[in-house]
């Protein structure tokens, strides 16, 4: 399967009601996709690939925040 097809499927996947292990798996999958797209981007410099990486990064950050918890204010 093409890496961009995999990225599109990952972007459309629902992330609600996931177990912790599902979130860990999703975070790793996002990282794998981002790194794979980055390798292609290095060769082609295609701006659309950068947009895909940015969208995947936003989704990965949301998953990671849910995994690690939001930082406390320290009070």
Protein backbone atom coordinates (compact mmCIF):
# COMPACT_ATOMS: atom_id res chain seq x y z
CA UNK A 1 0.00 0.00 0.00
CA UNK A 2 1.21 3.50 -0.78
CA UNK A 3 2.42 5.52 2.22
CA UNK A 4 0.06 8.40 1.40
CA UNK A 5 -2.90 5.99 1.32
CA UNK A 6 -1.89 4.69 4.74
CA UNK A 7 -1.64 8.25 6.01
CA UNK A 8 -5.11 9.08 4.68
CA UNK A 9 -6.58 6.01 6.39
CA UNK A 10 -4.83 6.92 9.64
CA UNK A 11 -6.13 10.51 9.47
CA UNK A 12 -9.72 9.34 8.97
CA UNK A 13 -9.60 6.78 11.78
CA UNK A 14 -11.55 7.65 14.90
CA UNK A 15 -9.47 8.11 18.02
CA UNK A 16 -12.26 8.15 20.58
CA UNK A 17 -12.79 5.33 23.08
CA UNK A 18 -9.30 3.93 22.63
CA UNK A 19 -7.51 1.89 25.25
CA UNK A 20 -4.06 2.94 26.39
CA UNK A 21 -2.39 0.24 24.32
CA UNK A 22 -4.38 1.38 21.27
CA UNK A 23 -3.12 4.93 21.83
CA UNK A 24 0.48 3.74 22.10
CA UNK A 25 0.07 1.77 18.87
CA UNK A 26 -1.53 4.77 17.13
CA UNK A 27 1.27 7.06 18.30
CA UNK A 28 3.92 4.69 16.96
CA UNK A 29 2.05 4.32 13.68
CA UNK A 30 1.86 8.11 13.31
CA UNK A 31 5.59 8.39 13.93
CA UNK A 32 6.32 5.68 11.36
CA UNK A 33 4.16 7.40 8.75
CA UNK A 34 5.67 10.83 9.42
CA UNK A 35 9.24 9.50 9.11
CA UNK A 36 8.42 7.56 5.93
CA UNK A 37 6.79 10.59 4.31
CA UNK A 38 9.76 12.71 5.41
CA UNK A 39 12.15 10.43 3.51
CA UNK A 40 10.12 10.95 0.33
CA UNK A 41 9.88 14.70 1.03
CA UNK A 42 13.67 14.99 1.28
CA UNK A 43 13.97 13.78 -2.32
CA UNK A 44 10.99 15.54 -3.92
CA UNK A 45 10.49 18.72 -1.83
CA UNK A 46 6.75 18.42 -2.56
CA UNK A 47 4.78 20.91 -0.43
CA UNK A 48 1.74 18.62 -0.25
CA UNK A 49 3.85 16.05 1.60
CA UNK A 50 4.74 18.68 4.18
CA UNK A 51 1.03 19.40 4.69
CA UNK A 52 0.33 15.70 5.27
CA UNK A 53 3.19 15.48 7.79
CA UNK A 54 1.85 18.54 9.64
CA UNK A 55 -1.65 17.05 9.91
CA UNK A 56 -0.26 13.74 11.16
CA UNK A 57 1.91 15.55 13.69
CA UNK A 58 -1.11 17.39 15.09
CA UNK A 59 -2.99 14.10 15.48
CA UNK A 60 0.05 12.45 17.09
CA UNK A 61 0.41 15.31 19.57
CA UNK A 62 -3.24 14.92 20.60
CA UNK A 63 -2.72 11.21 21.18
CA UNK A 64 0.49 11.84 23.15
CA UNK A 65 -1.19 14.46 25.34
CA UNK A 66 -3.93 11.95 26.17
CA UNK A 67 -1.30 9.31 26.95
CA UNK A 68 0.98 11.44 29.11
CA UNK A 69 -1.65 13.71 30.62
CA UNK A 70 -1.67 17.47 30.64
CA UNK A 71 1.04 19.12 32.70
CA UNK A 72 -0.08 20.55 36.05
CA UNK A 73 0.27 24.21 36.87
CA UNK A 74 2.62 23.22 39.72
CA UNK A 75 0.58 24.75 42.53
